[in-house]
């Protein structure tokens, strides 16, 4: 997945909000970490304000469940 596509998908999750969208966002960030590394995931968290929206913190290791 490209970083641009990940950002688009995460924006959709932010717009919808809620528990299920938080899980979807977590899975997207896990994929970003796997393909692009922690720095890329942290940048998306900061850029999309995912700390406030979903409570994600930079430096968190996201694992697909």
PDB file of N, CA and C in Angstrom:
ATOM      1  N   UNK A   1       0.854  -1.172   0.000  1.00  0.00           N
ATOM      2  CA  UNK A   1       0.000   0.000   0.000  1.00  0.00           C
ATOM      3  C   UNK A   1       0.900   1.235   0.000  1.00  0.00           C
ATOM      4  N   UNK A   2       0.544   2.204  -0.819  1.00  0.00           N
ATOM      5  CA  UNK A   2       1.310   3.442  -0.833  1.00  0.00           C
ATOM      6  C   UNK A   2       0.927   4.292   0.383  1.00  0.00           C
ATOM      7  N   UNK A   3       1.810   5.210   0.729  1.00  0.00           N
ATOM      8  CA  UNK A   3       1.510   6.098   1.856  1.00  0.00           C
ATOM      9  C   UNK A   3       0.328   7.011   1.532  1.00  0.00           C
ATOM     10  N   UNK A   4       0.209   7.413   0.278  1.00  0.00           N
ATOM     11  CA  UNK A   4      -0.913   8.256  -0.125  1.00  0.00           C
ATOM     12  C   UNK A   4      -2.236   7.505   0.031  1.00  0.00           C
ATOM     13  N   UNK A   5      -2.263   6.249  -0.376  1.00  0.00           N
ATOM     14  CA  UNK A   5      -3.477   5.440  -0.243  1.00  0.00           C
ATOM     15  C   UNK A   5      -3.811   5.232   1.239  1.00  0.00           C
ATOM     16  N   UNK A   6      -2.793   4.961   2.053  1.00  0.00           N
ATOM     17  CA  UNK A   6      -3.004   4.786   3.486  1.00  0.00           C
ATOM     18  C   UNK A   6      -3.591   6.053   4.099  1.00  0.00           C
ATOM     19  N   UNK A   7      -3.083   7.201   3.682  1.00  0.00           N
ATOM     20  CA  UNK A   7      -3.592   8.462   4.217  1.00  0.00           C
ATOM     21  C   UNK A   7      -5.049   8.666   3.820  1.00  0.00           C
ATOM     22  N   UNK A   8      -5.401   8.345   2.586  1.00  0.00           N
ATOM     23  CA  UNK A   8      -6.785   8.474   2.135  1.00  0.00           C
ATOM     24  C   UNK A   8      -7.712   7.561   2.945  1.00  0.00           C
ATOM     25  N   UNK A   9      -7.286   6.314   3.144  1.00  0.00           N
ATOM     26  CA  UNK A   9      -8.092   5.365   3.913  1.00  0.00           C
ATOM     27  C   UNK A   9      -8.247   5.811   5.359  1.00  0.00           C
ATOM     28  N   UNK A  10      -7.168   6.320   5.942  1.00  0.00           N
ATOM     29  CA  UNK A  10      -7.232   6.789   7.328  1.00  0.00           C
ATOM     30  C   UNK A  10      -8.143   8.008   7.461  1.00  0.00           C
ATOM     31  N   UNK A  11      -8.120   8.885   6.466  1.00  0.00           N
ATOM     32  CA  UNK A  11      -9.017  10.048   6.506  1.00  0.00           C
ATOM     33  C   UNK A  11     -10.472   9.590   6.537  1.00  0.00           C
ATOM     34  N   UNK A  12     -10.785   8.554   5.758  1.00  0.00           N
ATOM     35  CA  UNK A  12     -12.151   8.013   5.772  1.00  0.00           C
ATOM     36  C   UNK A  12     -12.505   7.481   7.152  1.00  0.00           C
ATOM     37  N   UNK A  13     -11.584   6.786   7.797  1.00  0.00           N
ATOM     38  CA  UNK A  13     -11.836   6.237   9.129  1.00  0.00           C
ATOM     39  C   UNK A  13     -12.067   7.356  10.140  1.00  0.00           C
ATOM     40  N   UNK A  14     -11.297   8.427  10.025  1.00  0.00           N
ATOM     41  CA  UNK A  14     -11.450   9.575  10.932  1.00  0.00           C
ATOM     42  C   UNK A  14     -12.828  10.210  10.734  1.00  0.00           C
ATOM     43  N   UNK A  15     -13.246  10.339   9.476  1.00  0.00           N
ATOM     44  CA  UNK A  15     -14.545  10.957   9.188  1.00  0.00           C
ATOM     45  C   UNK A  15     -15.694  10.168   9.802  1.00  0.00           C
ATOM     46  N   UNK A  16     -15.589   8.844   9.796  1.00  0.00           N
ATOM     47  CA  UNK A  16     -16.654   8.009  10.351  1.00  0.00           C
ATOM     48  C   UNK A  16     -16.557   7.885  11.863  1.00  0.00           C
ATOM     49  N   UNK A  17     -15.331   7.822  12.404  1.00  0.00           N
ATOM     50  CA  UNK A  17     -15.132   7.683  13.843  1.00  0.00           C
ATOM     51  C   UNK A  17     -15.677   6.363  14.355  1.00  0.00           C
ATOM     52  N   UNK A  18     -15.666   6.171  15.646  1.00  0.00           N
ATOM     53  CA  UNK A  18     -16.247   4.977  16.250  1.00  0.00           C
ATOM     54  C   UNK A  18     -15.268   3.835  16.438  1.00  0.00           C
ATOM     55  N   UNK A  19     -15.731   2.834  17.191  1.00  0.00           N
ATOM     56  CA  UNK A  19     -14.893   1.702  17.597  1.00  0.00           C
ATOM     57  C   UNK A  19     -14.398   0.883  16.407  1.00  0.00           C
ATOM     58  N   UNK A  20     -15.296   0.543  15.488  1.00  0.00           N
ATOM     59  CA  UNK A  20     -14.900  -0.291  14.357  1.00  0.00           C
ATOM     60  C   UNK A  20     -13.923   0.435  13.449  1.00  0.00           C
ATOM     61  N   UNK A  21     -14.103   1.725  13.306  1.00  0.00           N
ATOM     62  CA  UNK A  21     -13.195   2.503  12.481  1.00  0.00           C
ATOM     63  C   UNK A  21     -11.831   2.648  13.144  1.00  0.00           C
ATOM     64  N   UNK A  22     -11.800   2.640  14.480  1.00  0.00           N
ATOM     65  CA  UNK A  22     -10.525   2.660  15.195  1.00  0.00           C
ATOM     66  C   UNK A  22      -9.748   1.388  14.882  1.00  0.00           C
ATOM     67  N   UNK A  23     -10.441   0.250  14.877  1.00  0.00           N
ATOM     68  CA  UNK A  23      -9.779  -1.016  14.559  1.00  0.00           C
ATOM     69  C   UNK A  23      -9.285  -1.037  13.120  1.00  0.00           C
ATOM     70  N   UNK A  24     -10.074  -0.504  12.201  1.00  0.00           N
ATOM     71  CA  UNK A  24      -9.659  -0.438  10.802  1.00  0.00           C
ATOM     72  C   UNK A  24      -8.425   0.456  10.663  1.00  0.00           C
ATOM     73  N   UNK A  25      -8.413   1.581  11.360  1.00  0.00           N
ATOM     74  CA  UNK A  25      -7.263   2.483  11.319  1.00  0.00           C
ATOM     75  C   UNK A  25      -6.015   1.793  11.880  1.00  0.00           C
ATOM     76  N   UNK A  26      -6.198   1.014  12.937  1.00  0.00           N
ATOM     77  CA  UNK A  26      -5.075   0.280  13.525  1.00  0.00           C
ATOM     78  C   UNK A  26      -4.488  -0.715  12.521  1.00  0.00           C
ATOM     79  N   UNK A  27      -5.354  -1.392  11.779  1.00  0.00           N
ATOM     80  CA  UNK A  27      -4.893  -2.340  10.768  1.00  0.00           C
ATOM     81  C   UNK A  27      -4.159  -1.640   9.624  1.00  0.00           C
ATOM     82  N   UNK A  28      -4.643  -0.481   9.229  1.00  0.00           N
ATOM     83  CA  UNK A  28      -3.968   0.292   8.180  1.00  0.00           C
ATOM     84  C   UNK A  28      -2.587   0.712   8.663  1.00  0.00           C
ATOM     85  N   UNK A  29      -2.495   1.171   9.912  1.00  0.00           N
ATOM     86  CA  UNK A  29      -1.196   1.584  10.455  1.00  0.00           C
ATOM     87  C   UNK A  29      -0.248   0.398  10.596  1.00  0.00           C
ATOM     88  N   UNK A  30      -0.769  -0.772  10.908  1.00  0.00           N
ATOM     89  CA  UNK A  30       0.070  -1.977  10.981  1.00  0.00           C
ATOM     90  C   UNK A  30       0.672  -2.278   9.613  1.00  0.00           C
ATOM     91  N   UNK A  31      -0.125  -2.133   8.576  1.00  0.00           N
ATOM     92  CA  UNK A  31       0.353  -2.362   7.204  1.00  0.00           C
ATOM     93  C   UNK A  31       1.410  -1.326   6.819  1.00  0.00           C
ATOM     94  N   UNK A  32       1.160  -0.070   7.181  1.00  0.00           N
ATOM     95  CA  UNK A  32       2.137   0.991   6.900  1.00  0.00           C
ATOM     96  C   UNK A  32       3.451   0.691   7.609  1.00  0.00           C
ATOM     97  N   UNK A  33       3.393   0.287   8.867  1.00  0.00           N
ATOM     98  CA  UNK A  33       4.609  -0.052   9.611  1.00  0.00           C
ATOM     99  C   UNK A  33       5.365  -1.183   8.927  1.00  0.00           C
ATOM    100  N   UNK A  34       4.640  -2.187   8.500  1.00  0.00           N
ATOM    101  CA  UNK A  34       5.277  -3.343   7.880  1.00  0.00           C
ATOM    102  C   UNK A  34       5.981  -2.952   6.580  1.00  0.00           C
ATOM    103  N   UNK A  35       5.335  -2.123   5.777  1.00  0.00           N
ATOM    104  CA  UNK A  35       5.867  -1.784   4.463  1.00  0.00           C
ATOM    105  C   UNK A  35       6.808  -0.582   4.465  1.00  0.00           C
ATOM    106  N   UNK A  36       6.546   0.395   5.364  1.00  0.00           N
ATOM    107  CA  UNK A  36       7.285   1.664   5.290  1.00  0.00           C
ATOM    108  C   UNK A  36       8.017   2.030   6.579  1.00  0.00           C
ATOM    109  N   UNK A  37       7.761   1.312   7.663  1.00  0.00           N
ATOM    110  CA  UNK A  37       8.468   1.562   8.906  1.00  0.00           C
ATOM    111  C   UNK A  37       7.701   2.427   9.897  1.00  0.00           C
ATOM    112  N   UNK A  38       8.251   2.467  11.102  1.00  0.00           N
ATOM    113  CA  UNK A  38       7.638   3.187  12.216  1.00  0.00           C
ATOM    114  C   UNK A  38       7.537   4.684  11.952  1.00  0.00           C
ATOM    115  N   UNK A  39       8.546   5.251  11.316  1.00  0.00           N
ATOM    116  CA  UNK A  39       8.546   6.692  11.066  1.00  0.00           C
ATOM    117  C   UNK A  39       7.365   7.111  10.209  1.00  0.00           C
ATOM    118  N   UNK A  40       7.049   6.318   9.195  1.00  0.00           N
ATOM    119  CA  UNK A  40       5.919   6.630   8.316  1.00  0.00           C
ATOM    120  C   UNK A  40       4.600   6.549   9.086  1.00  0.00           C
ATOM    121  N   UNK A  41       4.449   5.530   9.926  1.00  0.00           N
ATOM    122  CA  UNK A  41       3.231   5.399  10.727  1.00  0.00           C
ATOM    123  C   UNK A  41       3.101   6.567  11.702  1.00  0.00           C
ATOM    124  N   UNK A  42       4.191   6.933  12.338  1.00  0.00           N
ATOM    125  CA  UNK A  42       4.164   8.059  13.277  1.00  0.00           C
ATOM    126  C   UNK A  42       3.782   9.360  12.577  1.00  0.00           C
ATOM    127  N   UNK A  43       4.274   9.546  11.359  1.00  0.00           N
ATOM    128  CA  UNK A  43       3.943  10.763  10.608  1.00  0.00           C
ATOM    129  C   UNK A  43       2.446  10.812  10.305  1.00  0.00           C
ATOM    130  N   UNK A  44       1.873   9.688   9.916  1.00  0.00           N
ATOM    131  CA  UNK A  44       0.427   9.654   9.659  1.00  0.00           C
ATOM    132  C   UNK A  44      -0.368   9.937  10.930  1.00  0.00           C
ATOM    133  N   UNK A  45       0.088   9.394  12.043  1.00  0.00           N
ATOM    134  CA  UNK A  45      -0.596   9.649  13.325  1.00  0.00           C
ATOM    135  C   UNK A  45      -0.602  11.140  13.629  1.00  0.00           C
ATOM    136  N   UNK A  46       0.541  11.786  13.440  1.00  0.00           N
ATOM    137  CA  UNK A  46       0.630  13.227  13.712  1.00  0.00           C
ATOM    138  C   UNK A  46      -0.168  14.039  12.691  1.00  0.00           C
ATOM    139  N   UNK A  47       0.021  13.729  11.391  1.00  0.00           N
ATOM    140  CA  UNK A  47      -0.620  14.515  10.332  1.00  0.00           C
ATOM    141  C   UNK A  47      -2.144  14.458  10.397  1.00  0.00           C
ATOM    142  N   UNK A  48      -2.687  13.311  10.775  1.00  0.00           N
ATOM    143  CA  UNK A  48      -4.141  13.142  10.794  1.00  0.00           C
ATOM    144  C   UNK A  48      -4.739  13.282  12.192  1.00  0.00           C
ATOM    145  N   UNK A  49      -3.906  13.675  13.153  1.00  0.00           N
ATOM    146  CA  UNK A  49      -4.348  13.901  14.525  1.00  0.00           C
ATOM    147  C   UNK A  49      -5.002  12.649  15.125  1.00  0.00           C
ATOM    148  N   UNK A  50      -4.424  11.495  14.834  1.00  0.00           N
ATOM    149  CA  UNK A  50      -4.985  10.238  15.315  1.00  0.00           C
ATOM    150  C   UNK A  50      -4.798  10.052  16.817  1.00  0.00           C
ATOM    151  N   UNK A  51      -3.934  10.860  17.410  1.00  0.00           N
ATOM    152  CA  UNK A  51      -3.782  10.827  18.871  1.00  0.00           C
ATOM    153  C   UNK A  51      -5.082  11.263  19.536  1.00  0.00           C
ATOM    154  N   UNK A  52      -5.670  12.316  19.010  1.00  0.00           N
ATOM    155  CA  UNK A  52      -6.911  12.847  19.572  1.00  0.00           C
ATOM    156  C   UNK A  52      -8.114  12.016  19.149  1.00  0.00           C
ATOM    157  N   UNK A  53      -8.170  11.641  17.877  1.00  0.00           N
ATOM    158  CA  UNK A  53      -9.350  10.962  17.335  1.00  0.00           C
ATOM    159  C   UNK A  53      -9.493   9.542  17.884  1.00  0.00           C
ATOM    160  N   UNK A  54      -8.393   8.763  17.840  1.00  0.00           N
ATOM    161  CA  UNK A  54      -8.464   7.358  18.235  1.00  0.00           C
ATOM    162  C   UNK A  54      -7.592   7.005  19.441  1.00  0.00           C
ATOM    163  N   UNK A  55      -6.817   7.955  19.938  1.00  0.00           N
ATOM    164  CA  UNK A  55      -5.961   7.677  21.080  1.00  0.00           C
ATOM    165  C   UNK A  55      -4.663   6.965  20.726  1.00  0.00           C
ATOM    166  N   UNK A  56      -4.292   6.947  19.435  1.00  0.00           N
ATOM    167  CA  UNK A  56      -3.032   6.312  19.028  1.00  0.00           C
ATOM    168  C   UNK A  56      -1.872   7.228  19.381  1.00  0.00           C
ATOM    169  N   UNK A  57      -0.803   6.633  19.889  1.00  0.00           N
ATOM    170  CA  UNK A  57       0.382   7.404  20.231  1.00  0.00           C
ATOM    171  C   UNK A  57       1.502   7.073  19.270  1.00  0.00           C
ATOM    172  N   UNK A  58       2.323   8.083  18.967  1.00  0.00           N
ATOM    173  CA  UNK A  58       3.482   7.819  18.128  1.00  0.00           C
ATOM    174  C   UNK A  58       4.390   6.850  18.857  1.00  0.00           C
ATOM    175  N   UNK A  59       5.046   6.003  18.100  1.00  0.00           N
ATOM    176  CA  UNK A  59       5.935   5.001  18.684  1.00  0.00           C
ATOM    177  C   UNK A  59       5.249   3.690  19.019  1.00  0.00           C
ATOM    178  N   UNK A  60       3.929   3.645  18.893  1.00  0.00           N
ATOM    179  CA  UNK A  60       3.189   2.418  19.175  1.00  0.00           C
ATOM    180  C   UNK A  60       3.441   1.398  18.067  1.00  0.00           C
ATOM    181  N   UNK A  61       3.684   0.161  18.455  1.00  0.00           N
ATOM    182  CA  UNK A  61       3.843  -0.928  17.492  1.00  0.00           C
ATOM    183  C   UNK A  61       2.467  -1.538  17.245  1.00  0.00           C
ATOM    184  N   UNK A  62       1.967  -1.389  16.036  1.00  0.00           N
ATOM    185  CA  UNK A  62       0.644  -1.909  15.679  1.00  0.00           C
ATOM    186  C   UNK A  62       0.808  -3.301  15.080  1.00  0.00           C
ATOM    187  N   UNK A  63       0.068  -4.241  15.609  1.00  0.00           N
ATOM    188  CA  UNK A  63       0.101  -5.630  15.142  1.00  0.00           C
ATOM    189  C   UNK A  63      -1.262  -5.989  14.593  1.00  0.00           C
ATOM    190  N   UNK A  64      -1.310  -6.590  13.418  1.00  0.00           N
ATOM    191  CA  UNK A  64      -2.617  -7.065  12.941  1.00  0.00           C
ATOM    192  C   UNK A  64      -3.098  -8.205  13.816  1.00  0.00           C
ATOM    193  N   UNK A  65      -4.368  -8.239  14.146  1.00  0.00           N
ATOM    194  CA  UNK A  65      -4.907  -9.275  15.028  1.00  0.00           C
ATOM    195  C   UNK A  65      -5.721 -10.260  14.265  1.00  0.00           C
TER     196      UNK A  65
END
